[in-house]
Amino acid sequence: MPIGSLILTLHLPGIHSLKAKRSIIKPMLVRLRKEFNVSAAEIGLQDHWQDAQIQIVAVGENARIMDASMQDIYHFLQINWPEIVIANETFEII
């Protein structure tokens, strides 16, 4: 059973405090968990106002399904949070 891992480095232009950053990141992670039944967490850059690093992990039947699910998540983020720039992405199937 494959495990898919998607690590995204995000840039949040216009954010000027950690409180404002977390007001965006926390609801995003909750919505990802609810919509896609995945594990999602902020894993890095917690002390940077305008940057965040999140990881999304899921288990699926096969690698093809995992790839499609992670693509859906990526597009979901782009559509629902257009103000956030995805600066870097790393996708891995284990």
Protein backbone atom coordinates (compact mmCIF):
# COMPACT_ATOMS: atom_id res chain seq x y z
CA MET A 1 0.00 0.00 0.00
CA PRO A 2 1.68 3.24 -1.12
CA ILE A 3 2.06 6.35 1.02
CA GLY A 4 2.01 9.70 -0.75
CA SER A 5 3.81 12.70 0.73
CA LEU A 6 3.48 16.23 -0.59
CA ILE A 7 5.64 18.96 0.94
CA LEU A 8 4.82 22.52 -0.09
CA THR A 9 6.73 25.69 0.66
CA LEU A 10 4.28 28.57 0.61
CA HIS A 11 4.80 32.31 0.37
CA LEU A 12 2.09 34.51 1.87
CA PRO A 13 2.58 38.06 0.53
CA GLY A 14 1.04 40.86 2.56
CA ILE A 15 1.20 39.01 5.89
CA HIS A 16 2.82 41.07 8.66
CA SER A 17 2.47 38.92 11.77
CA LEU A 18 2.56 35.31 12.88
CA LYS A 19 -1.05 35.65 14.06
CA ALA A 20 -2.18 36.64 10.55
CA LYS A 21 -0.17 33.78 9.04
CA ARG A 22 -1.70 31.22 11.36
CA SER A 23 -5.18 32.58 10.65
CA ILE A 24 -4.64 31.39 7.07
CA ILE A 25 -2.59 28.21 7.55
CA LYS A 26 -4.64 26.63 10.35
CA PRO A 27 -8.02 26.74 8.51
CA MET A 28 -6.27 25.54 5.34
CA LEU A 29 -4.94 22.45 7.11
CA VAL A 30 -8.32 21.73 8.72
CA ARG A 31 -10.07 21.99 5.36
CA LEU A 32 -7.52 19.70 3.68
CA ARG A 33 -8.06 17.08 6.38
CA LYS A 34 -11.83 17.33 6.02
CA GLU A 35 -12.06 17.45 2.20
CA PHE A 36 -9.42 14.84 1.35
CA ASN A 37 -9.12 12.65 4.48
CA VAL A 38 -5.36 13.23 4.71
CA SER A 39 -2.90 14.12 7.42
CA ALA A 40 -1.73 17.71 7.08
CA ALA A 41 0.58 19.79 9.27
CA GLU A 42 2.84 22.82 9.24
CA ILE A 43 6.31 21.30 9.43
CA GLY A 44 8.69 24.21 8.95
CA LEU A 45 9.21 27.95 8.83
CA GLN A 46 6.87 28.47 11.79
CA ASP A 47 8.64 31.67 12.87
CA HIS A 48 8.64 33.28 9.42
CA TRP A 49 5.76 35.69 8.83
CA GLN A 50 5.40 35.34 5.10
CA ASP A 51 6.53 31.75 4.56
CA ALA A 52 5.20 28.35 5.59
CA GLN A 53 6.05 24.75 4.90
CA ILE A 54 3.29 22.17 5.07
CA GLN A 55 3.24 18.43 4.56
CA ILE A 56 0.27 16.41 3.38
CA VAL A 57 0.37 12.62 3.72
CA ALA A 58 -2.13 10.02 2.53
CA VAL A 59 -2.40 6.27 2.01
CA GLY A 60 -3.99 4.82 -1.10
CA GLU A 61 -4.60 1.68 -3.12
CA ASN A 62 -1.90 2.28 -5.71
CA ALA A 63 0.61 4.85 -6.90
CA ARG A 64 -1.64 6.11 -9.71
CA ILE A 65 -4.44 6.94 -7.27
CA MET A 66 -1.96 8.62 -4.90
CA ASP A 67 -0.60 10.77 -7.71
CA ALA A 68 -4.12 11.82 -8.76
CA SER A 69 -5.09 12.63 -5.16
CA MET A 70 -2.04 14.82 -4.60
CA GLN A 71 -2.68 16.64 -7.90
CA ASP A 72 -6.27 17.27 -6.75
CA ILE A 73 -4.98 18.69 -3.46
CA TYR A 74 -2.49 20.93 -5.26
CA HIS A 75 -5.22 22.34 -7.52
CA PHE A 76 -7.61 22.69 -4.57
CA LEU A 77 -5.06 24.90 -2.81
CA GLN A 78 -4.52 27.03 -5.92
CA ILE A 79 -8.26 27.57 -6.41
CA ASN A 80 -9.23 28.23 -2.79
CA TRP A 81 -6.19 30.30 -1.75
CA PRO A 82 -5.13 32.19 -4.90
CA GLU A 83 -3.29 34.80 -2.81
CA ILE A 84 -0.77 32.17 -1.65
CA VAL A 85 2.23 31.44 -3.85
CA ILE A 86 3.45 27.84 -3.93
CA ALA A 87 7.19 28.45 -4.03
CA ASN A 88 8.34 24.83 -3.97
CA GLU A 89 6.83 21.36 -4.00
CA THR A 90 8.17 17.89 -3.31
CA PHE A 91 6.02 14.86 -4.05
CA GLU A 92 7.10 11.35 -3.12
CA ILE A 93 5.43 7.96 -3.12
CA ILE A 94 6.85 5.53 -0.58
